[in-house]
C-alpha cells in the first residue's frame, strides 16, 4: 500500500475520482458556490417580509379576541 499520496485532496480531484468510480451522482462538494442571483434573493426577502406582516396581524387579532373574551 502507498502512503496516501494519491488520495484526492481537493474538490476537483474528488469529483474526478468519483467519475472514474462511476458514482457521479453521489459526489457532493462540501462548499457549493453561493447563489448570487439578486432577483431571487429580493423575492425571498419580500416573501419573508409578507409572512412576517401576516403573522403580526394575526397576533394582534388574537390578542384583541383574548381581551374581548376576558371582558365578557
Protein backbone atom coordinates (compact mmCIF):
# COMPACT_ATOMS: atom_id res chain seq x y z
CA UNK A 1 0.00 0.00 0.00
CA UNK A 2 1.03 3.58 -0.65
CA UNK A 3 1.46 6.37 1.79
CA UNK A 4 -1.78 8.04 0.72
CA UNK A 5 -0.14 10.49 -1.61
CA UNK A 6 -2.50 9.54 -4.43
CA UNK A 7 -5.60 10.28 -2.40
CA UNK A 8 -7.70 13.17 -3.81
CA UNK A 9 -7.28 16.30 -1.71
CA UNK A 10 -9.46 18.96 -3.30
CA UNK A 11 -12.97 19.07 -4.74
CA UNK A 12 -11.81 18.74 -8.35
CA UNK A 13 -9.70 15.67 -7.61
CA UNK A 14 -12.53 14.12 -5.61
CA UNK A 15 -15.02 14.74 -8.42
CA UNK A 16 -12.66 13.19 -10.98
CA UNK A 17 -12.14 10.18 -8.72
CA UNK A 18 -15.92 9.84 -8.27
CA UNK A 19 -16.43 9.96 -12.06
CA UNK A 20 -13.78 7.29 -12.54
CA UNK A 21 -15.53 5.10 -9.97
CA UNK A 22 -18.84 5.69 -11.74
CA UNK A 23 -20.68 7.28 -8.80
CA UNK A 24 -21.05 10.81 -10.14
CA UNK A 25 -24.49 11.29 -8.54
CA UNK A 26 -23.13 10.58 -5.07
CA UNK A 27 -20.43 13.26 -5.24
CA UNK A 28 -21.26 16.44 -3.35
CA UNK A 29 -18.97 19.42 -2.93
CA UNK A 30 -18.68 20.46 0.72
CA UNK A 31 -18.60 24.14 -0.19
CA UNK A 32 -21.01 24.70 -3.07
CA UNK A 33 -20.89 28.12 -4.73
CA UNK A 34 -23.07 30.79 -3.16
CA UNK A 35 -26.18 31.85 -5.03
CA UNK A 36 -25.65 35.41 -6.23
CA UNK A 37 -28.97 35.78 -8.07
CA UNK A 38 -30.05 39.19 -6.77
CA UNK A 39 -33.61 38.87 -8.13
CA UNK A 40 -34.17 35.57 -6.32
CA UNK A 41 -32.74 36.96 -3.08
CA UNK A 42 -35.04 40.00 -3.28
CA UNK A 43 -38.06 37.76 -3.95
CA UNK A 44 -37.23 35.60 -0.95
CA UNK A 45 -36.84 38.68 1.27
CA UNK A 46 -40.16 40.07 0.04
CA UNK A 47 -41.92 36.75 0.75
CA UNK A 48 -40.39 36.58 4.22
CA UNK A 49 -41.47 40.16 4.97
CA UNK A 50 -45.01 39.44 3.78
CA UNK A 51 -45.21 36.36 6.00
CA UNK A 52 -43.92 38.39 8.96
CA UNK A 53 -46.59 41.06 8.39
CA UNK A 54 -49.33 38.40 8.25
CA UNK A 55 -48.04 36.87 11.46
CA UNK A 56 -48.06 40.24 13.21
CA UNK A 57 -51.65 40.96 12.09
CA UNK A 58 -52.84 37.53 13.25
CA UNK A 59 -51.12 38.02 16.59
CA UNK A 60 -52.84 41.39 17.03
CA UNK A 61 -56.23 39.86 16.17
CA UNK A 62 -55.65 37.04 18.64
CA UNK A 63 -54.75 39.50 21.41
CA UNK A 64 -57.89 41.57 20.69
CA UNK A 65 -60.03 38.42 20.77
CA UNK A 66 -58.50 37.39 24.10
CA UNK A 67 -59.22 40.84 25.60
CA UNK A 68 -62.82 40.70 24.39
CA UNK A 69 -63.17 37.20 25.77
CA UNK A 70 -61.92 38.29 29.19
CA UNK A 71 -64.19 41.33 29.28
CA UNK A 72 -67.34 39.26 28.71
